[in-house]
Amino acid sequence: MNQMLVDFELHLIRTPTEVCRILGMSYSSYAGYRHQDKALPDYLSLHIETLRRLPFETLHEIVRERLTNGRP
């Protein structure tokens, strides 16, 4: 398992399916990264780091928008 993705799921208290929607990627790609079939690209790890550093209210707003509208 890719610990960064698992930790991000726990941080958001979201399922892998929801997290891939939040990150704007297909589930098949996300699952490959999560199970370490594919290396996690730098841009994706930087995106996750940036989201984790946001204030709770801002992060919650982004998560809500991406889960209800699909795309940012």
PDB file of N, CA and C in Angstrom:
ATOM      1  N   MET A   1       0.830  -1.187   0.000  1.00  0.00           N
ATOM      2  CA  MET A   1       0.000   0.000   0.000  1.00  0.00           C
ATOM      3  C   MET A   1       0.875   1.251   0.000  1.00  0.00           C
ATOM      4  N   ASN A   2       0.426   2.253  -0.715  1.00  0.00           N
ATOM      5  CA  ASN A   2       1.102   3.540  -0.699  1.00  0.00           C
ATOM      6  C   ASN A   2       0.640   4.285   0.545  1.00  0.00           C
ATOM      7  N   GLN A   3       1.546   4.453   1.500  1.00  0.00           N
ATOM      8  CA  GLN A   3       1.175   5.029   2.789  1.00  0.00           C
ATOM      9  C   GLN A   3       0.681   6.466   2.672  1.00  0.00           C
ATOM     10  N   MET A   4       1.222   7.230   1.723  1.00  0.00           N
ATOM     11  CA  MET A   4       0.776   8.618   1.559  1.00  0.00           C
ATOM     12  C   MET A   4      -0.709   8.664   1.198  1.00  0.00           C
ATOM     13  N   LEU A   5      -1.147   7.804   0.297  1.00  0.00           N
ATOM     14  CA  LEU A   5      -2.548   7.788  -0.103  1.00  0.00           C
ATOM     15  C   LEU A   5      -3.445   7.268   1.022  1.00  0.00           C
ATOM     16  N   VAL A   6      -3.007   6.241   1.708  1.00  0.00           N
ATOM     17  CA  VAL A   6      -3.786   5.709   2.827  1.00  0.00           C
ATOM     18  C   VAL A   6      -3.921   6.760   3.921  1.00  0.00           C
ATOM     19  N   ASP A   7      -2.831   7.451   4.233  1.00  0.00           N
ATOM     20  CA  ASP A   7      -2.875   8.515   5.244  1.00  0.00           C
ATOM     21  C   ASP A   7      -3.794   9.656   4.807  1.00  0.00           C
ATOM     22  N   PHE A   8      -3.788   9.972   3.516  1.00  0.00           N
ATOM     23  CA  PHE A   8      -4.655  11.032   3.015  1.00  0.00           C
ATOM     24  C   PHE A   8      -6.122  10.635   3.135  1.00  0.00           C
ATOM     25  N   GLU A   9      -6.435   9.391   2.841  1.00  0.00           N
ATOM     26  CA  GLU A   9      -7.806   8.894   3.013  1.00  0.00           C
ATOM     27  C   GLU A   9      -8.234   9.037   4.473  1.00  0.00           C
ATOM     28  N   LEU A  10      -7.346   8.659   5.386  1.00  0.00           N
ATOM     29  CA  LEU A  10      -7.657   8.769   6.815  1.00  0.00           C
ATOM     30  C   LEU A  10      -7.783  10.228   7.247  1.00  0.00           C
ATOM     31  N   HIS A  11      -6.936  11.090   6.701  1.00  0.00           N
ATOM     32  CA  HIS A  11      -6.984  12.521   7.018  1.00  0.00           C
ATOM     33  C   HIS A  11      -8.332  13.119   6.607  1.00  0.00           C
ATOM     34  N   LEU A  12      -8.806  12.719   5.445  1.00  0.00           N
ATOM     35  CA  LEU A  12     -10.079  13.244   4.940  1.00  0.00           C
ATOM     36  C   LEU A  12     -11.285  12.478   5.463  1.00  0.00           C
ATOM     37  N   ILE A  13     -11.025  11.302   6.039  1.00  0.00           N
ATOM     38  CA  ILE A  13     -12.079  10.376   6.457  1.00  0.00           C
ATOM     39  C   ILE A  13     -12.985  10.073   5.250  1.00  0.00           C
ATOM     40  N   ARG A  14     -12.341   9.648   4.161  1.00  0.00           N
ATOM     41  CA  ARG A  14     -13.025   9.351   2.900  1.00  0.00           C
ATOM     42  C   ARG A  14     -12.565   8.008   2.356  1.00  0.00           C
ATOM     43  N   THR A  15     -13.395   7.424   1.505  1.00  0.00           N
ATOM     44  CA  THR A  15     -13.066   6.151   0.867  1.00  0.00           C
ATOM     45  C   THR A  15     -12.101   6.386  -0.295  1.00  0.00           C
ATOM     46  N   PRO A  16     -11.428   5.331  -0.754  1.00  0.00           N
ATOM     47  CA  PRO A  16     -10.568   5.487  -1.934  1.00  0.00           C
ATOM     48  C   PRO A  16     -11.322   6.041  -3.148  1.00  0.00           C
ATOM     49  N   THR A  17     -12.553   5.630  -3.343  1.00  0.00           N
ATOM     50  CA  THR A  17     -13.354   6.137  -4.468  1.00  0.00           C
ATOM     51  C   THR A  17     -13.570   7.644  -4.347  1.00  0.00           C
ATOM     52  N   GLU A  18     -13.869   8.114  -3.152  1.00  0.00           N
ATOM     53  CA  GLU A  18     -14.072   9.542  -2.938  1.00  0.00           C
ATOM     54  C   GLU A  18     -12.765  10.313  -3.120  1.00  0.00           C
ATOM     55  N   VAL A  19     -11.669   9.762  -2.621  1.00  0.00           N
ATOM     56  CA  VAL A  19     -10.383  10.456  -2.732  1.00  0.00           C
ATOM     57  C   VAL A  19      -9.952  10.589  -4.187  1.00  0.00           C
ATOM     58  N   CYS A  20     -10.178   9.565  -4.997  1.00  0.00           N
ATOM     59  CA  CYS A  20      -9.794   9.694  -6.406  1.00  0.00           C
ATOM     60  C   CYS A  20     -10.635  10.781  -7.081  1.00  0.00           C
ATOM     61  N   ARG A  21     -11.895  10.940  -6.682  1.00  0.00           N
ATOM     62  CA  ARG A  21     -12.717  12.034  -7.217  1.00  0.00           C
ATOM     63  C   ARG A  21     -12.200  13.387  -6.750  1.00  0.00           C
ATOM     64  N   ILE A  22     -11.781  13.473  -5.498  1.00  0.00           N
ATOM     65  CA  ILE A  22     -11.242  14.715  -4.956  1.00  0.00           C
ATOM     66  C   ILE A  22      -9.968  15.109  -5.696  1.00  0.00           C
ATOM     67  N   LEU A  23      -9.140  14.119  -6.025  1.00  0.00           N
ATOM     68  CA  LEU A  23      -7.889  14.387  -6.738  1.00  0.00           C
ATOM     69  C   LEU A  23      -8.081  14.536  -8.244  1.00  0.00           C
ATOM     70  N   GLY A  24      -9.275  14.221  -8.729  1.00  0.00           N
ATOM     71  CA  GLY A  24      -9.571  14.388 -10.155  1.00  0.00           C
ATOM     72  C   GLY A  24      -8.937  13.333 -11.033  1.00  0.00           C
ATOM     73  N   MET A  25      -8.968  12.090 -10.591  1.00  0.00           N
ATOM     74  CA  MET A  25      -8.355  11.022 -11.378  1.00  0.00           C
ATOM     75  C   MET A  25      -9.261   9.796 -11.424  1.00  0.00           C
ATOM     76  N   SER A  26      -8.979   8.921 -12.357  1.00  0.00           N
ATOM     77  CA  SER A  26      -9.778   7.707 -12.482  1.00  0.00           C
ATOM     78  C   SER A  26      -9.465   6.762 -11.329  1.00  0.00           C
ATOM     79  N   TYR A  27     -10.441   5.932 -10.993  1.00  0.00           N
ATOM     80  CA  TYR A  27     -10.222   4.985  -9.916  1.00  0.00           C
ATOM     81  C   TYR A  27      -9.145   3.967 -10.284  1.00  0.00           C
ATOM     82  N   SER A  28      -9.098   3.555 -11.546  1.00  0.00           N
ATOM     83  CA  SER A  28      -8.088   2.564 -11.939  1.00  0.00           C
ATOM     84  C   SER A  28      -6.671   3.104 -11.749  1.00  0.00           C
ATOM     85  N   SER A  29      -6.449   4.377 -12.091  1.00  0.00           N
ATOM     86  CA  SER A  29      -5.130   4.987 -11.855  1.00  0.00           C
ATOM     87  C   SER A  29      -4.852   5.093 -10.362  1.00  0.00           C
ATOM     88  N   TYR A  30      -5.843   5.553  -9.610  1.00  0.00           N
ATOM     89  CA  TYR A  30      -5.681   5.704  -8.164  1.00  0.00           C
ATOM     90  C   TYR A  30      -5.360   4.356  -7.517  1.00  0.00           C
ATOM     91  N   ALA A  31      -6.081   3.333  -7.908  1.00  0.00           N
ATOM     92  CA  ALA A  31      -5.857   2.002  -7.332  1.00  0.00           C
ATOM     93  C   ALA A  31      -4.451   1.506  -7.652  1.00  0.00           C
ATOM     94  N   GLY A  32      -3.959   1.779  -8.856  1.00  0.00           N
ATOM     95  CA  GLY A  32      -2.598   1.397  -9.215  1.00  0.00           C
ATOM     96  C   GLY A  32      -1.567   2.076  -8.342  1.00  0.00           C
ATOM     97  N   TYR A  33      -1.775   3.371  -8.077  1.00  0.00           N
ATOM     98  CA  TYR A  33      -0.870   4.105  -7.196  1.00  0.00           C
ATOM     99  C   TYR A  33      -1.014   3.608  -5.754  1.00  0.00           C
ATOM    100  N   ARG A  34      -2.238   3.384  -5.345  1.00  0.00           N
ATOM    101  CA  ARG A  34      -2.503   2.977  -3.957  1.00  0.00           C
ATOM    102  C   ARG A  34      -1.876   1.631  -3.648  1.00  0.00           C
ATOM    103  N   HIS A  35      -1.970   0.712  -4.575  1.00  0.00           N
ATOM    104  CA  HIS A  35      -1.431  -0.631  -4.361  1.00  0.00           C
ATOM    105  C   HIS A  35       0.006  -0.757  -4.847  1.00  0.00           C
ATOM    106  N   GLN A  36       0.593   0.375  -5.214  1.00  0.00           N
ATOM    107  CA  GLN A  36       1.993   0.489  -5.630  1.00  0.00           C
ATOM    108  C   GLN A  36       2.313  -0.320  -6.887  1.00  0.00           C
ATOM    109  N   ASP A  37       1.303  -0.508  -7.742  1.00  0.00           N
ATOM    110  CA  ASP A  37       1.568  -1.093  -9.053  1.00  0.00           C
ATOM    111  C   ASP A  37       2.279  -0.067  -9.934  1.00  0.00           C
ATOM    112  N   LYS A  38       2.002   1.233  -9.656  1.00  0.00           N
ATOM    113  CA  LYS A  38       2.630   2.336 -10.387  1.00  0.00           C
ATOM    114  C   LYS A  38       3.218   3.308  -9.369  1.00  0.00           C
ATOM    115  N   ALA A  39       4.324   3.939  -9.744  1.00  0.00           N
ATOM    116  CA  ALA A  39       4.946   4.934  -8.864  1.00  0.00           C
ATOM    117  C   ALA A  39       4.075   6.185  -8.797  1.00  0.00           C
ATOM    118  N   LEU A  40       3.958   6.753  -7.613  1.00  0.00           N
ATOM    119  CA  LEU A  40       3.187   7.974  -7.421  1.00  0.00           C
ATOM    120  C   LEU A  40       3.950   9.142  -8.034  1.00  0.00           C
ATOM    121  N   PRO A  41       3.368   9.835  -9.024  1.00  0.00           N
ATOM    122  CA  PRO A  41       4.070  10.963  -9.652  1.00  0.00           C
ATOM    123  C   PRO A  41       4.286  12.112  -8.667  1.00  0.00           C
ATOM    124  N   ASP A  42       5.352  12.860  -8.892  1.00  0.00           N
ATOM    125  CA  ASP A  42       5.660  13.991  -8.017  1.00  0.00           C
ATOM    126  C   ASP A  42       4.519  14.998  -7.949  1.00  0.00           C
ATOM    127  N   TYR A  43       3.887  15.284  -9.101  1.00  0.00           N
ATOM    128  CA  TYR A  43       2.819  16.290  -9.092  1.00  0.00           C
ATOM    129  C   TYR A  43       1.662  15.859  -8.196  1.00  0.00           C
ATOM    130  N   LEU A  44       1.419  14.563  -8.115  1.00  0.00           N
ATOM    131  CA  LEU A  44       0.322  14.079  -7.291  1.00  0.00           C
ATOM    132  C   LEU A  44       0.685  14.138  -5.805  1.00  0.00           C
ATOM    133  N   SER A  45       1.895  13.763  -5.463  1.00  0.00           N
ATOM    134  CA  SER A  45       2.296  13.845  -4.053  1.00  0.00           C
ATOM    135  C   SER A  45       2.348  15.310  -3.594  1.00  0.00           C
ATOM    136  N   LEU A  46       2.772  16.224  -4.479  1.00  0.00           N
ATOM    137  CA  LEU A  46       2.772  17.649  -4.132  1.00  0.00           C
ATOM    138  C   LEU A  46       1.353  18.189  -3.969  1.00  0.00           C
ATOM    139  N   HIS A  47       0.427  17.719  -4.799  1.00  0.00           N
ATOM    140  CA  HIS A  47      -0.979  18.132  -4.700  1.00  0.00           C
ATOM    141  C   HIS A  47      -1.557  17.682  -3.361  1.00  0.00           C
ATOM    142  N   ILE A  48      -1.272  16.455  -2.970  1.00  0.00           N
ATOM    143  CA  ILE A  48      -1.757  15.931  -1.693  1.00  0.00           C
ATOM    144  C   ILE A  48      -1.162  16.726  -0.530  1.00  0.00           C
ATOM    145  N   GLU A  49       0.132  16.988  -0.581  1.00  0.00           N
ATOM    146  CA  GLU A  49       0.773  17.781   0.470  1.00  0.00           C
ATOM    147  C   GLU A  49       0.131  19.159   0.587  1.00  0.00           C
ATOM    148  N   THR A  50      -0.147  19.785  -0.545  1.00  0.00           N
ATOM    149  CA  THR A  50      -0.766  21.115  -0.539  1.00  0.00           C
ATOM    150  C   THR A  50      -2.156  21.055   0.080  1.00  0.00           C
ATOM    151  N   LEU A  51      -2.958  20.076  -0.314  1.00  0.00           N
ATOM    152  CA  LEU A  51      -4.302  19.940   0.253  1.00  0.00           C
ATOM    153  C   LEU A  51      -4.246  19.709   1.757  1.00  0.00           C
ATOM    154  N   ARG A  52      -3.305  18.911   2.208  1.00  0.00           N
ATOM    155  CA  ARG A  52      -3.195  18.611   3.648  1.00  0.00           C
ATOM    156  C   ARG A  52      -2.816  19.844   4.461  1.00  0.00           C
ATOM    157  N   ARG A  53      -2.149  20.815   3.849  1.00  0.00           N
ATOM    158  CA  ARG A  53      -1.707  22.017   4.574  1.00  0.00           C
ATOM    159  C   ARG A  53      -2.774  23.106   4.633  1.00  0.00           C
ATOM    160  N   LEU A  54      -3.853  22.921   3.905  1.00  0.00           N
ATOM    161  CA  LEU A  54      -4.907  23.933   3.907  1.00  0.00           C
ATOM    162  C   LEU A  54      -5.632  23.960   5.253  1.00  0.00           C
ATOM    163  N   PRO A  55      -6.145  25.118   5.634  1.00  0.00           N
ATOM    164  CA  PRO A  55      -6.983  25.181   6.834  1.00  0.00           C
ATOM    165  C   PRO A  55      -8.198  24.262   6.658  1.00  0.00           C
ATOM    166  N   PHE A  56      -8.672  23.723   7.757  1.00  0.00           N
ATOM    167  CA  PHE A  56      -9.763  22.752   7.721  1.00  0.00           C
ATOM    168  C   PHE A  56     -10.961  23.250   6.916  1.00  0.00           C
ATOM    169  N   GLU A  57     -11.373  24.482   7.142  1.00  0.00           N
ATOM    170  CA  GLU A  57     -12.561  25.015   6.468  1.00  0.00           C
ATOM    171  C   GLU A  57     -12.369  25.050   4.952  1.00  0.00           C
ATOM    172  N   THR A  58     -11.196  25.452   4.517  1.00  0.00           N
ATOM    173  CA  THR A  58     -10.899  25.521   3.081  1.00  0.00           C
ATOM    174  C   THR A  58     -10.867  24.124   2.477  1.00  0.00           C
ATOM    175  N   LEU A  59     -10.202  23.207   3.156  1.00  0.00           N
ATOM    176  CA  LEU A  59     -10.149  21.828   2.676  1.00  0.00           C
ATOM    177  C   LEU A  59     -11.545  21.233   2.593  1.00  0.00           C
ATOM    178  N   HIS A  60     -12.359  21.456   3.611  1.00  0.00           N
ATOM    179  CA  HIS A  60     -13.724  20.927   3.618  1.00  0.00           C
ATOM    180  C   HIS A  60     -14.533  21.474   2.439  1.00  0.00           C
ATOM    181  N   GLU A  61     -14.373  22.744   2.143  1.00  0.00           N
ATOM    182  CA  GLU A  61     -15.082  23.358   1.022  1.00  0.00           C
ATOM    183  C   GLU A  61     -14.654  22.734  -0.308  1.00  0.00           C
ATOM    184  N   ILE A  62     -13.362  22.537  -0.495  1.00  0.00           N
ATOM    185  CA  ILE A  62     -12.848  21.921  -1.722  1.00  0.00           C
ATOM    186  C   ILE A  62     -13.369  20.492  -1.860  1.00  0.00           C
ATOM    187  N   VAL A  63     -13.307  19.732  -0.776  1.00  0.00           N
ATOM    188  CA  VAL A  63     -13.784  18.343  -0.804  1.00  0.00           C
ATOM    189  C   VAL A  63     -15.270  18.309  -1.169  1.00  0.00           C
ATOM    190  N   ARG A  64     -16.056  19.142  -0.523  1.00  0.00           N
ATOM    191  CA  ARG A  64     -17.498  19.179  -0.795  1.00  0.00           C
ATOM    192  C   ARG A  64     -17.779  19.522  -2.264  1.00  0.00           C
ATOM    193  N   GLU A  65     -17.080  20.533  -2.794  1.00  0.00           N
ATOM    194  CA  GLU A  65     -17.278  20.923  -4.192  1.00  0.00           C
ATOM    195  C   GLU A  65     -16.907  19.801  -5.152  1.00  0.00           C
ATOM    196  N   ARG A  66     -15.782  19.165  -4.901  1.00  0.00           N
ATOM    197  CA  ARG A  66     -15.322  18.117  -5.820  1.00  0.00           C
ATOM    198  C   ARG A  66     -16.181  16.863  -5.743  1.00  0.00           C
ATOM    199  N   LEU A  67     -16.765  16.599  -4.598  1.00  0.00           N
ATOM    200  CA  LEU A  67     -17.619  15.411  -4.493  1.00  0.00           C
ATOM    201  C   LEU A  67     -19.026  15.671  -5.023  1.00  0.00           C
ATOM    202  N   THR A  68     -19.469  16.927  -4.990  1.00  0.00           N
ATOM    203  CA  THR A  68     -20.810  17.208  -5.489  1.00  0.00           C
ATOM    204  C   THR A  68     -20.810  17.586  -6.968  1.00  0.00           C
ATOM    205  N   ASN A  69     -19.762  18.270  -7.428  1.00  0.00           N
ATOM    206  CA  ASN A  69     -19.716  18.712  -8.813  1.00  0.00           C
ATOM    207  C   ASN A  69     -18.853  17.828  -9.695  1.00  0.00           C
ATOM    208  N   GLY A  70     -18.068  16.980  -9.107  1.00  0.00           N
ATOM    209  CA  GLY A  70     -17.208  16.108  -9.898  1.00  0.00           C
ATOM    210  C   GLY A  70     -15.850  16.702 -10.213  1.00  0.00           C
ATOM    211  N   ARG A  71     -15.809  17.874 -10.788  1.00  0.00           N
ATOM    212  CA  ARG A  71     -14.542  18.526 -11.170  1.00  0.00           C
ATOM    213  C   ARG A  71     -14.416  19.856 -10.456  1.00  0.00           C
ATOM    214  N   PRO A  72     -13.172  20.260 -10.168  1.00  0.00           N
ATOM    215  CA  PRO A  72     -12.981  21.568  -9.501  1.00  0.00           C
ATOM    216  C   PRO A  72     -13.392  22.724 -10.382  1.00  0.00           C
TER     217      PRO A  72
END
